Amino acid sequence: GDRLDLLIWLFCRNLGKSGLRVSCLGLGTWVTFGSQISDEMAESVMTVAYDSGVNLFDTVEVYASGRAETTLGNILKKKGWRMAICVCVAGLRGSLSRLQLDYVDIVFANRTDVNAPMEEIVRAMTFVIEQGMAMYWGTSRWNVVEIMEAYSIARQFNLIPPVCEQAEYHYFQRDKVELHLPELYHKIGVGAMTWSPLACGLLTGKYNEGVPESSRAAMKGYAWLKERLCSDEGKKQLSKIKELHLLADRLNCTAAQLAIAWCLRSEGVSSVLLGVSNTEQLLENLGSVRVLSQLTPPLIAEMDALLGNKPRNVKKEARR
């Protein structure tokens, strides 16, 4: 029943203006694969995702010291699936051997070294594609100026430009995806693949009454998340989340489904990456595509009023 409905609903979109077709919801292995969940659970989660039409899996060499890639690779080999795999990576050859793949569909360049000359990065990415190790390349956590510079250099030296930016996007992180990236999409065809639609679980409401022991904010290395929750800003956000919960109840969906559907409604967002630790969470999150049709302009306006942080396009306003 449930899964069949989802197959009808999980639609694909082009990644930016490239020819790569990806499911509107992808599965990220951040935090969970190779560390937080068992390999058996990882396989169950991937099977449900695949059966529901998810064809996009995102991994990176630093996740669980490469164990996330090994887990993902073993499952792909066992199942014999062919899907869009995207890797955020410096040592791509190592990643490919752990994934047991000849190539990935898209490789992302993380802007970790701000001193690296842009031309070097674009040449390296072009080399990776020409060697057959990836089909496309994208950027991760780059600003608009950097993406534009990479594009210009690619054009100048006849190299391959990026097709996509990976950006954080949720109720409380809006400017880049809603203001800056659509401009790039229209100018140079760069799409957006977004992550953290639930703001590390904050938007599900699980932190409304404090920090549960099993939650991410209670995990080692996540003190920053706990601090964020206890700050004045965090408390303001939690009260808004409670209001959004009531709105989700009205739409007969969960807070998580509303938050993910809200991300999907945004122009230029090709795919939203989900992070889940079990199949129930995944099925709930996938159900967000059913909520999309309920997000009418009046409802979005109501959500904007509640959030009070809709980005203003000063340039557009000045032209009027």
C-alpha atoms as a PDB file:
ATOM      1  CA  GLY A   1       0.000   0.000   0.000  1.00  0.00           C
ATOM      2  CA  ASP A   2       2.202   2.767   1.311  1.00  0.00           C
ATOM      3  CA  ARG A   3       5.193   1.987  -0.792  1.00  0.00           C
ATOM      4  CA  LEU A   4       3.245   1.707  -4.035  1.00  0.00           C
ATOM      5  CA  ASP A   5       1.713   5.136  -3.461  1.00  0.00           C
ATOM      6  CA  LEU A   6       5.177   6.568  -2.950  1.00  0.00           C
ATOM      7  CA  LEU A   7       6.440   5.119  -6.205  1.00  0.00           C
ATOM      8  CA  ILE A   8       3.797   7.133  -8.007  1.00  0.00           C
ATOM      9  CA  TRP A   9       4.691  10.241  -6.063  1.00  0.00           C
ATOM     10  CA  LEU A  10       8.484  10.297  -5.928  1.00  0.00           C
ATOM     11  CA  PHE A  11       9.244  12.355  -9.005  1.00  0.00           C
ATOM     12  CA  CYS A  12      12.601  13.097 -10.619  1.00  0.00           C
ATOM     13  CA  ARG A  13      14.081  16.463 -11.506  1.00  0.00           C
ATOM     14  CA  ASN A  14      17.099  17.496 -13.539  1.00  0.00           C
ATOM     15  CA  LEU A  15      20.069  18.481 -11.411  1.00  0.00           C
ATOM     16  CA  GLY A  16      20.278  22.161 -12.305  1.00  0.00           C
ATOM     17  CA  LYS A  17      20.290  22.378 -16.094  1.00  0.00           C
ATOM     18  CA  SER A  18      22.462  19.268 -16.441  1.00  0.00           C
ATOM     19  CA  GLY A  19      21.234  16.014 -17.969  1.00  0.00           C
ATOM     20  CA  LEU A  20      21.463  14.169 -14.644  1.00  0.00           C
ATOM     21  CA  ARG A  21      17.995  13.132 -13.403  1.00  0.00           C
ATOM     22  CA  VAL A  22      17.713  12.723  -9.657  1.00  0.00           C
ATOM     23  CA  SER A  23      14.813  11.829  -7.364  1.00  0.00           C
ATOM     24  CA  CYS A  24      13.445  14.895  -5.559  1.00  0.00           C
ATOM     25  CA  LEU A  25      14.415  13.232  -2.271  1.00  0.00           C
ATOM     26  CA  GLY A  26      17.858  11.697  -1.813  1.00  0.00           C
ATOM     27  CA  LEU A  27      19.428   9.760   1.046  1.00  0.00           C
ATOM     28  CA  GLY A  28      22.426  11.215   2.860  1.00  0.00           C
ATOM     29  CA  THR A  29      24.667   8.916   4.871  1.00  0.00           C
ATOM     30  CA  TRP A  30      25.894  11.752   7.111  1.00  0.00           C
ATOM     31  CA  VAL A  31      26.212  10.653  10.780  1.00  0.00           C
ATOM     32  CA  THR A  32      24.231   7.420  10.400  1.00  0.00           C
ATOM     33  CA  PHE A  33      25.923   4.927   8.025  1.00  0.00           C
ATOM     34  CA  GLY A  34      28.915   3.059   9.460  1.00  0.00           C
ATOM     35  CA  SER A  35      28.521   4.543  12.930  1.00  0.00           C
ATOM     36  CA  GLN A  36      25.076   5.364  14.336  1.00  0.00           C
ATOM     37  CA  ILE A  37      23.159   2.503  12.694  1.00  0.00           C
ATOM     38  CA  SER A  38      24.006  -1.147  12.004  1.00  0.00           C
ATOM     39  CA  ASP A  39      24.828  -2.398   8.499  1.00  0.00           C
ATOM     40  CA  GLU A  40      21.579  -4.419   8.567  1.00  0.00           C
ATOM     41  CA  MET A  41      19.543  -1.276   9.294  1.00  0.00           C
ATOM     42  CA  ALA A  42      21.484   0.603   6.607  1.00  0.00           C
ATOM     43  CA  GLU A  43      20.490  -2.098   4.101  1.00  0.00           C
ATOM     44  CA  SER A  44      16.820  -1.974   5.182  1.00  0.00           C
ATOM     45  CA  VAL A  45      16.789   1.826   4.875  1.00  0.00           C
ATOM     46  CA  MET A  46      18.389   1.708   1.418  1.00  0.00           C
ATOM     47  CA  THR A  47      15.982  -1.007   0.239  1.00  0.00           C
ATOM     48  CA  VAL A  48      12.924   1.006   1.288  1.00  0.00           C
ATOM     49  CA  ALA A  49      14.444   4.095  -0.345  1.00  0.00           C
ATOM     50  CA  TYR A  50      15.209   2.255  -3.587  1.00  0.00           C
ATOM     51  CA  ASP A  51      11.759   0.602  -3.703  1.00  0.00           C
ATOM     52  CA  SER A  52      10.193   4.050  -3.233  1.00  0.00           C
ATOM     53  CA  GLY A  53      11.995   5.536  -6.211  1.00  0.00           C
ATOM     54  CA  VAL A  54      14.988   7.179  -4.502  1.00  0.00           C
ATOM     55  CA  ASN A  55      17.895   7.087  -6.953  1.00  0.00           C
ATOM     56  CA  LEU A  56      20.260   9.498  -5.203  1.00  0.00           C
ATOM     57  CA  PHE A  57      22.667   8.543  -2.424  1.00  0.00           C
ATOM     58  CA  ASP A  58      25.144  10.974  -0.950  1.00  0.00           C
ATOM     59  CA  THR A  59      28.324  10.022   0.881  1.00  0.00           C
ATOM     60  CA  VAL A  60      31.717  11.483   1.714  1.00  0.00           C
ATOM     61  CA  GLU A  61      35.080   9.959   2.574  1.00  0.00           C
ATOM     62  CA  VAL A  62      35.211  11.505   6.056  1.00  0.00           C
ATOM     63  CA  TYR A  63      31.858  10.014   7.176  1.00  0.00           C
ATOM     64  CA  ALA A  64      32.738   7.451   9.868  1.00  0.00           C
ATOM     65  CA  SER A  65      36.355   7.348   8.570  1.00  0.00           C
ATOM     66  CA  GLY A  66      35.291   5.856   5.228  1.00  0.00           C
ATOM     67  CA  ARG A  67      33.109   3.133   6.806  1.00  0.00           C
ATOM     68  CA  ALA A  68      29.969   4.825   5.447  1.00  0.00           C
ATOM     69  CA  GLU A  69      31.283   4.345   1.898  1.00  0.00           C
ATOM     70  CA  THR A  70      32.233   0.723   2.559  1.00  0.00           C
ATOM     71  CA  THR A  71      28.731  -0.001   3.931  1.00  0.00           C
ATOM     72  CA  LEU A  72      27.085   1.743   0.968  1.00  0.00           C
ATOM     73  CA  GLY A  73      29.374  -0.050  -1.526  1.00  0.00           C
ATOM     74  CA  ASN A  74      28.667  -3.497  -0.055  1.00  0.00           C
ATOM     75  CA  ILE A  75      24.907  -2.938  -0.226  1.00  0.00           C
ATOM     76  CA  LEU A  76      25.051  -1.640  -3.826  1.00  0.00           C
ATOM     77  CA  LYS A  77      27.139  -4.628  -4.908  1.00  0.00           C
ATOM     78  CA  LYS A  78      24.889  -7.148  -3.157  1.00  0.00           C
ATOM     79  CA  LYS A  79      21.719  -5.648  -4.655  1.00  0.00           C
ATOM     80  CA  GLY A  80      23.139  -4.859  -8.095  1.00  0.00           C
ATOM     81  CA  TRP A  81      21.445  -1.437  -8.170  1.00  0.00           C
ATOM     82  CA  ARG A  82      22.409   1.367 -10.524  1.00  0.00           C
ATOM     83  CA  MET A  83      21.738   4.835  -9.158  1.00  0.00           C
ATOM     84  CA  ALA A  84      23.056   8.369  -8.887  1.00  0.00           C
ATOM     85  CA  ILE A  85      25.816   8.340  -6.318  1.00  0.00           C
ATOM     86  CA  CYS A  86      27.314  11.622  -5.296  1.00  0.00           C
ATOM     87  CA  VAL A  87      30.515  11.890  -3.360  1.00  0.00           C
ATOM     88  CA  CYS A  88      31.976  14.885  -1.593  1.00  0.00           C
ATOM     89  CA  VAL A  89      35.616  14.114  -1.810  1.00  0.00           C
ATOM     90  CA  ALA A  90      39.319  14.890  -2.063  1.00  0.00           C
ATOM     91  CA  GLY A  91      40.689  11.326  -2.521  1.00  0.00           C
ATOM     92  CA  LEU A  92      38.230  10.045  -5.104  1.00  0.00           C
ATOM     93  CA  ARG A  93      40.155   6.891  -6.015  1.00  0.00           C
ATOM     94  CA  GLY A  94      39.965   5.678  -2.401  1.00  0.00           C
ATOM     95  CA  SER A  95      36.251   6.438  -2.312  1.00  0.00           C
ATOM     96  CA  LEU A  96      35.613   4.534  -5.543  1.00  0.00           C
ATOM     97  CA  SER A  97      37.413   1.442  -4.245  1.00  0.00           C
ATOM     98  CA  ARG A  98      35.449   1.527  -0.944  1.00  0.00           C
ATOM     99  CA  LEU A  99      32.213   1.986  -2.893  1.00  0.00           C
ATOM    100  CA  GLN A 100      33.334  -0.782  -5.330  1.00  0.00           C
ATOM    101  CA  LEU A 101      32.379   1.477  -8.241  1.00  0.00           C
ATOM    102  CA  ASP A 102      34.195   2.522 -11.422  1.00  0.00           C
ATOM    103  CA  TYR A 103      32.685   6.005 -11.322  1.00  0.00           C
ATOM    104  CA  VAL A 104      30.181   8.194  -9.481  1.00  0.00           C
ATOM    105  CA  ASP A 105      27.575  10.400 -11.093  1.00  0.00           C
ATOM    106  CA  ILE A 106      28.637  13.581  -9.377  1.00  0.00           C
ATOM    107  CA  VAL A 107      31.599  14.575  -7.262  1.00  0.00           C
ATOM    108  CA  PHE A 108      31.432  17.610  -4.976  1.00  0.00           C
ATOM    109  CA  ALA A 109      34.292  19.944  -4.137  1.00  0.00           C
ATOM    110  CA  ASN A 110      34.132  21.075  -0.537  1.00  0.00           C
ATOM    111  CA  ARG A 111      35.635  24.554  -0.072  1.00  0.00           C
ATOM    112  CA  THR A 112      37.967  23.525   2.723  1.00  0.00           C
ATOM    113  CA  ASP A 113      41.114  25.253   1.494  1.00  0.00           C
ATOM    114  CA  VAL A 114      40.331  28.879   0.738  1.00  0.00           C
ATOM    115  CA  ASN A 115      43.940  29.417  -0.360  1.00  0.00           C
ATOM    116  CA  ALA A 116      43.757  26.887  -3.197  1.00  0.00           C
ATOM    117  CA  PRO A 117      43.660  28.797  -6.507  1.00  0.00           C
ATOM    118  CA  MET A 118      40.251  28.421  -8.166  1.00  0.00           C
ATOM    119  CA  GLU A 119      41.814  27.438 -11.483  1.00  0.00           C
ATOM    120  CA  GLU A 120      43.494  24.455  -9.771  1.00  0.00           C
ATOM    121  CA  ILE A 121      40.163  23.244  -8.378  1.00  0.00           C
ATOM    122  CA  VAL A 122      38.376  23.550 -11.732  1.00  0.00           C
ATOM    123  CA  ARG A 123      41.254  21.794 -13.531  1.00  0.00           C
ATOM    124  CA  ALA A 124      41.234  18.974 -10.935  1.00  0.00           C
ATOM    125  CA  MET A 125      37.475  18.469 -11.317  1.00  0.00           C
ATOM    126  CA  THR A 126      37.744  18.510 -15.111  1.00  0.00           C
ATOM    127  CA  PHE A 127      40.539  15.908 -14.883  1.00  0.00           C
ATOM    128  CA  VAL A 128      38.382  13.654 -12.667  1.00  0.00           C
ATOM    129  CA  ILE A 129      35.554  13.790 -15.247  1.00  0.00           C
ATOM    130  CA  GLU A 130      37.868  13.277 -18.235  1.00  0.00           C
ATOM    131  CA  GLN A 131      39.408  10.251 -16.467  1.00  0.00           C
ATOM    132  CA  GLY A 132      35.918   8.734 -16.270  1.00  0.00           C
ATOM    133  CA  MET A 133      35.766   8.789 -12.463  1.00  0.00           C
ATOM    134  CA  ALA A 134      32.700  11.079 -12.396  1.00  0.00           C
ATOM    135  CA  MET A 135      30.100  12.376 -14.836  1.00  0.00           C
ATOM    136  CA  TYR A 136      29.585  15.832 -13.314  1.00  0.00           C
ATOM    137  CA  TRP A 137      30.972  17.976 -10.529  1.00  0.00           C
ATOM    138  CA  GLY A 138      29.362  20.317  -8.057  1.00  0.00           C
ATOM    139  CA  THR A 139      30.282  22.565  -5.168  1.00  0.00           C
ATOM    140  CA  SER A 140      29.540  22.163  -1.473  1.00  0.00           C
ATOM    141  CA  ARG A 141      29.127  25.134   0.901  1.00  0.00           C
ATOM    142  CA  TRP A 142      30.533  27.595  -1.643  1.00  0.00           C
ATOM    143  CA  ASN A 143      29.296  31.153  -1.849  1.00  0.00           C
ATOM    144  CA  VAL A 144      27.843  32.628  -5.025  1.00  0.00           C
ATOM    145  CA  VAL A 145      30.993  34.607  -5.871  1.00  0.00           C
ATOM    146  CA  GLU A 146      33.116  31.438  -5.707  1.00  0.00           C
ATOM    147  CA  ILE A 147      30.686  29.463  -7.874  1.00  0.00           C
ATOM    148  CA  MET A 148      30.594  32.276 -10.433  1.00  0.00           C
ATOM    149  CA  GLU A 149      34.413  32.425 -10.443  1.00  0.00           C
ATOM    150  CA  ALA A 150      34.627  28.664 -11.075  1.00  0.00           C
ATOM    151  CA  TYR A 151      32.141  28.998 -13.936  1.00  0.00           C
ATOM    152  CA  SER A 152      34.080  31.894 -15.513  1.00  0.00           C
ATOM    153  CA  ILE A 153      37.382  30.033 -15.256  1.00  0.00           C
ATOM    154  CA  ALA A 154      35.825  26.934 -16.835  1.00  0.00           C
ATOM    155  CA  ARG A 155      34.587  29.050 -19.745  1.00  0.00           C
ATOM    156  CA  GLN A 156      37.905  30.904 -20.100  1.00  0.00           C
ATOM    157  CA  PHE A 157      40.103  27.783 -20.222  1.00  0.00           C
ATOM    158  CA  ASN A 158      37.612  25.428 -21.891  1.00  0.00           C
ATOM    159  CA  LEU A 159      37.188  23.370 -18.706  1.00  0.00           C
ATOM    160  CA  ILE A 160      34.056  21.809 -17.189  1.00  0.00           C
ATOM    161  CA  PRO A 161      31.896  24.063 -14.977  1.00  0.00           C
ATOM    162  CA  PRO A 162      29.989  22.898 -11.856  1.00  0.00           C
ATOM    163  CA  VAL A 163      26.305  21.932 -12.225  1.00  0.00           C
ATOM    164  CA  CYS A 164      25.120  22.055  -8.636  1.00  0.00           C
ATOM    165  CA  GLU A 165      25.702  23.521  -5.164  1.00  0.00           C
ATOM    166  CA  GLN A 166      25.065  21.559  -1.979  1.00  0.00           C
ATOM    167  CA  ALA A 167      23.625  23.962   0.579  1.00  0.00           C
ATOM    168  CA  GLU A 168      22.057  23.828   4.025  1.00  0.00           C
ATOM    169  CA  TYR A 169      18.375  24.744   3.781  1.00  0.00           C
ATOM    170  CA  HIS A 170      15.534  24.766   6.283  1.00  0.00           C
ATOM    171  CA  TYR A 171      13.097  27.180   7.980  1.00  0.00           C
ATOM    172  CA  PHE A 172      15.896  29.066   9.724  1.00  0.00           C
ATOM    173  CA  GLN A 173      18.491  29.045   6.921  1.00  0.00           C
ATOM    174  CA  ARG A 174      16.951  30.615   3.828  1.00  0.00           C
ATOM    175  CA  ASP A 175      18.912  33.425   2.166  1.00  0.00           C
ATOM    176  CA  LYS A 176      21.328  31.434   0.025  1.00  0.00           C
ATOM    177  CA  VAL A 177      18.802  28.984  -1.442  1.00  0.00           C
ATOM    178  CA  GLU A 178      15.932  31.442  -1.896  1.00  0.00           C
ATOM    179  CA  LEU A 179      17.817  34.594  -2.935  1.00  0.00           C
ATOM    180  CA  HIS A 180      21.262  33.845  -4.296  1.00  0.00           C
ATOM    181  CA  LEU A 181      21.064  30.403  -5.901  1.00  0.00           C
ATOM    182  CA  PRO A 182      17.968  31.054  -8.112  1.00  0.00           C
ATOM    183  CA  GLU A 183      19.927  33.861  -9.741  1.00  0.00           C
ATOM    184  CA  LEU A 184      22.764  31.439 -10.519  1.00  0.00           C
ATOM    185  CA  TYR A 185      20.276  28.853 -11.783  1.00  0.00           C
ATOM    186  CA  HIS A 186      18.900  31.347 -14.338  1.00  0.00           C
ATOM    187  CA  LYS A 187      22.317  32.703 -15.299  1.00  0.00           C
ATOM    188  CA  ILE A 188      24.463  29.570 -15.501  1.00  0.00           C
ATOM    189  CA  GLY A 189      22.125  26.632 -14.802  1.00  0.00           C
ATOM    190  CA  VAL A 190      23.544  25.646 -11.400  1.00  0.00           C
ATOM    191  CA  GLY A 191      20.981  23.699  -9.371  1.00  0.00           C
ATOM    192  CA  ALA A 192      20.692  23.238  -5.612  1.00  0.00           C
ATOM    193  CA  MET A 193      20.885  19.980  -3.699  1.00  0.00           C
ATOM    194  CA  THR A 194      19.977  20.826  -0.126  1.00  0.00           C
ATOM    195  CA  TRP A 195      20.764  19.147   3.182  1.00  0.00           C
ATOM    196  CA  SER A 196      19.592  19.348   6.802  1.00  0.00           C
ATOM    197  CA  PRO A 197      15.885  19.963   5.989  1.00  0.00           C
ATOM    198  CA  LEU A 198      15.031  19.232   9.635  1.00  0.00           C
ATOM    199  CA  ALA A 199      17.899  21.342  11.072  1.00  0.00           C
ATOM    200  CA  CYS A 200      19.521  18.314  12.782  1.00  0.00           C
ATOM    201  CA  GLY A 201      16.127  17.105  14.034  1.00  0.00           C
ATOM    202  CA  LEU A 202      15.176  20.454  15.588  1.00  0.00           C
ATOM    203  CA  LEU A 203      12.139  20.845  13.320  1.00  0.00           C
ATOM    204  CA  THR A 204      10.619  17.485  14.241  1.00  0.00           C
ATOM    205  CA  GLY A 205       9.759  18.876  17.676  1.00  0.00           C
ATOM    206  CA  LYS A 206      11.837  16.278  19.504  1.00  0.00           C
ATOM    207  CA  TYR A 207      13.715  19.022  21.383  1.00  0.00           C
ATOM    208  CA  ASN A 208      10.582  20.932  22.402  1.00  0.00           C
ATOM    209  CA  GLU A 209      10.760  19.602  25.958  1.00  0.00           C
ATOM    210  CA  GLY A 210      14.555  19.308  26.314  1.00  0.00           C
ATOM    211  CA  VAL A 211      17.280  17.033  24.888  1.00  0.00           C
ATOM    212  CA  PRO A 212      16.348  13.302  24.733  1.00  0.00           C
ATOM    213  CA  GLU A 213      19.222  10.917  25.528  1.00  0.00           C
ATOM    214  CA  SER A 214      19.002   9.103  22.187  1.00  0.00           C
ATOM    215  CA  SER A 215      19.019  12.303  20.100  1.00  0.00           C
ATOM    216  CA  ARG A 216      21.852  13.769  18.047  1.00  0.00           C
ATOM    217  CA  ALA A 217      22.250  16.739  20.411  1.00  0.00           C
ATOM    218  CA  ALA A 218      23.138  14.266  23.179  1.00  0.00           C
ATOM    219  CA  MET A 219      25.833  12.594  21.038  1.00  0.00           C
ATOM    220  CA  LYS A 220      29.554  13.133  21.532  1.00  0.00           C
ATOM    221  CA  GLY A 221      30.828  15.980  19.337  1.00  0.00           C
ATOM    222  CA  TYR A 222      27.426  17.691  19.131  1.00  0.00           C
ATOM    223  CA  ALA A 223      27.830  20.114  22.035  1.00  0.00           C
ATOM    224  CA  TRP A 224      27.343  22.957  19.502  1.00  0.00           C
ATOM    225  CA  LEU A 225      23.839  21.676  18.781  1.00  0.00           C
ATOM    226  CA  LYS A 226      22.978  21.514  22.468  1.00  0.00           C
ATOM    227  CA  GLU A 227      24.313  25.064  22.948  1.00  0.00           C
ATOM    228  CA  ARG A 228      22.273  26.284  19.986  1.00  0.00           C
ATOM    229  CA  LEU A 229      19.102  24.832  21.501  1.00  0.00           C
ATOM    230  CA  CYS A 230      19.697  26.558  24.826  1.00  0.00           C
ATOM    231  CA  SER A 231      20.525  29.988  23.346  1.00  0.00           C
ATOM    232  CA  ASP A 232      17.951  32.815  23.209  1.00  0.00           C
ATOM    233  CA  GLU A 233      17.748  32.376  19.439  1.00  0.00           C
ATOM    234  CA  GLY A 234      17.194  28.636  19.927  1.00  0.00           C
ATOM    235  CA  LYS A 235      14.341  29.255  22.362  1.00  0.00           C
ATOM    236  CA  LYS A 236      12.668  31.651  19.887  1.00  0.00           C
ATOM    237  CA  GLN A 237      12.995  29.015  17.179  1.00  0.00           C
ATOM    238  CA  LEU A 238      11.488  26.331  19.412  1.00  0.00           C
ATOM    239  CA  SER A 239       8.383  28.456  20.015  1.00  0.00           C
ATOM    240  CA  LYS A 240       7.981  28.912  16.240  1.00  0.00           C
ATOM    241  CA  ILE A 241       8.407  25.154  15.786  1.00  0.00           C
ATOM    242  CA  LYS A 242       5.501  24.557  18.183  1.00  0.00           C
ATOM    243  CA  GLU A 243       3.315  26.846  16.031  1.00  0.00           C
ATOM    244  CA  LEU A 244       4.378  24.989  12.882  1.00  0.00           C
ATOM    245  CA  HIS A 245       3.425  21.727  14.594  1.00  0.00           C
ATOM    246  CA  LEU A 246      -0.142  22.982  14.888  1.00  0.00           C
ATOM    247  CA  LEU A 247      -0.085  23.902  11.213  1.00  0.00           C
ATOM    248  CA  ALA A 248       1.124  20.386  10.330  1.00  0.00           C
ATOM    249  CA  ASP A 249      -1.741  18.929  12.411  1.00  0.00           C
ATOM    250  CA  ARG A 250      -4.165  21.041  10.383  1.00  0.00           C
ATOM    251  CA  LEU A 251      -2.731  19.595   7.138  1.00  0.00           C
ATOM    252  CA  ASN A 252      -2.896  16.099   8.606  1.00  0.00           C
ATOM    253  CA  CYS A 253       0.850  15.532   8.248  1.00  0.00           C
ATOM    254  CA  THR A 254       3.827  15.419  10.605  1.00  0.00           C
ATOM    255  CA  ALA A 255       6.081  18.383  11.373  1.00  0.00           C
ATOM    256  CA  ALA A 256       8.934  16.621   9.534  1.00  0.00           C
ATOM    257  CA  GLN A 257       6.827  16.077   6.405  1.00  0.00           C
ATOM    258  CA  LEU A 258       5.792  19.733   6.359  1.00  0.00           C
ATOM    259  CA  ALA A 259       9.404  20.914   6.767  1.00  0.00           C
ATOM    260  CA  ILE A 260      10.680  18.697   3.917  1.00  0.00           C
ATOM    261  CA  ALA A 261       7.793  19.596   1.582  1.00  0.00           C
ATOM    262  CA  TRP A 262       8.500  23.279   2.331  1.00  0.00           C
ATOM    263  CA  CYS A 263      12.102  22.780   1.113  1.00  0.00           C
ATOM    264  CA  LEU A 264      10.926  20.971  -2.025  1.00  0.00           C
ATOM    265  CA  ARG A 265       8.598  23.819  -2.996  1.00  0.00           C
ATOM    266  CA  SER A 266      11.556  26.164  -3.521  1.00  0.00           C
ATOM    267  CA  GLU A 267      12.525  27.133  -7.069  1.00  0.00           C
ATOM    268  CA  GLY A 268      15.814  25.660  -8.240  1.00  0.00           C
ATOM    269  CA  VAL A 269      15.958  22.947  -5.544  1.00  0.00           C
ATOM    270  CA  SER A 270      16.650  19.762  -7.504  1.00  0.00           C
ATOM    271  CA  SER A 271      16.788  17.390  -4.561  1.00  0.00           C
ATOM    272  CA  VAL A 272      16.562  17.408  -0.765  1.00  0.00           C
ATOM    273  CA  LEU A 273      18.887  15.018   1.075  1.00  0.00           C
ATOM    274  CA  LEU A 274      17.382  13.132   4.007  1.00  0.00           C
ATOM    275  CA  GLY A 275      19.275  11.746   7.001  1.00  0.00           C
ATOM    276  CA  VAL A 276      17.451   8.900   8.753  1.00  0.00           C
ATOM    277  CA  SER A 277      18.347   6.227  11.284  1.00  0.00           C
ATOM    278  CA  ASN A 278      15.542   3.715  10.591  1.00  0.00           C
ATOM    279  CA  THR A 279      12.966   2.699   7.977  1.00  0.00           C
ATOM    280  CA  GLU A 280      10.029   4.291   9.862  1.00  0.00           C
ATOM    281  CA  GLN A 281      11.712   7.695   9.731  1.00  0.00           C
ATOM    282  CA  LEU A 282      12.476   7.211   6.046  1.00  0.00           C
ATOM    283  CA  LEU A 283       8.881   6.278   5.149  1.00  0.00           C
ATOM    284  CA  GLU A 284       7.602   9.258   7.126  1.00  0.00           C
ATOM    285  CA  ASN A 285      10.037  11.602   5.338  1.00  0.00           C
ATOM    286  CA  LEU A 286       9.217  10.193   1.902  1.00  0.00           C
ATOM    287  CA  GLY A 287       5.559  10.942   2.632  1.00  0.00           C
ATOM    288  CA  SER A 288       6.433  14.650   2.436  1.00  0.00           C
ATOM    289  CA  VAL A 289       5.914  14.574  -1.348  1.00  0.00           C
ATOM    290  CA  ARG A 290       2.199  14.053  -0.703  1.00  0.00           C
ATOM    291  CA  VAL A 291       2.091  17.286   1.304  1.00  0.00           C
ATOM    292  CA  LEU A 292       3.586  19.337  -1.527  1.00  0.00           C
ATOM    293  CA  SER A 293       0.249  19.902  -3.274  1.00  0.00           C
ATOM    294  CA  GLN A 294      -1.192  21.378  -0.061  1.00  0.00           C
ATOM    295  CA  LEU A 295       1.429  24.122   0.082  1.00  0.00           C
ATOM    296  CA  THR A 296      -0.680  26.781  -1.624  1.00  0.00           C
ATOM    297  CA  PRO A 297       0.489  30.417  -1.871  1.00  0.00           C
ATOM    298  CA  PRO A 298      -1.784  31.474   1.059  1.00  0.00           C
ATOM    299  CA  LEU A 299      -0.350  28.678   3.228  1.00  0.00           C
ATOM    300  CA  ILE A 300       3.248  29.622   2.344  1.00  0.00           C
ATOM    301  CA  ALA A 301       2.396  33.249   3.176  1.00  0.00           C
ATOM    302  CA  GLU A 302       1.063  32.096   6.559  1.00  0.00           C
ATOM    303  CA  MET A 303       4.280  30.145   7.207  1.00  0.00           C
ATOM    304  CA  ASP A 304       6.390  33.149   6.173  1.00  0.00           C
ATOM    305  CA  ALA A 305       4.479  35.392   8.573  1.00  0.00           C
ATOM    306  CA  LEU A 306       5.007  32.870  11.354  1.00  0.00           C
ATOM    307  CA  LEU A 307       8.731  32.474  10.640  1.00  0.00           C
ATOM    308  CA  GLY A 308       9.256  36.205  10.112  1.00  0.00           C
ATOM    309  CA  ASN A 309      12.472  35.678   8.132  1.00  0.00           C
ATOM    310  CA  LYS A 310      11.504  35.707   4.455  1.00  0.00           C
ATOM    311  CA  PRO A 311      14.553  36.911   2.508  1.00  0.00           C
ATOM    312  CA  ARG A 312      14.020  40.235   0.747  1.00  0.00           C
ATOM    313  CA  ASN A 313      15.363  40.732  -2.736  1.00  0.00           C
ATOM    314  CA  VAL A 314      16.603  44.310  -2.435  1.00  0.00           C
ATOM    315  CA  LYS A 315      17.713  44.393  -6.112  1.00  0.00           C
ATOM    316  CA  LYS A 316      14.248  43.407  -7.355  1.00  0.00           C
ATOM    317  CA  GLU A 317      12.561  45.912  -5.044  1.00  0.00           C
ATOM    318  CA  ALA A 318      14.873  48.677  -6.275  1.00  0.00           C
ATOM    319  CA  ARG A 319      13.963  47.946  -9.910  1.00  0.00           C
ATOM    320  CA  ARG A 320      10.236  48.392  -9.266  1.00  0.00           C
END
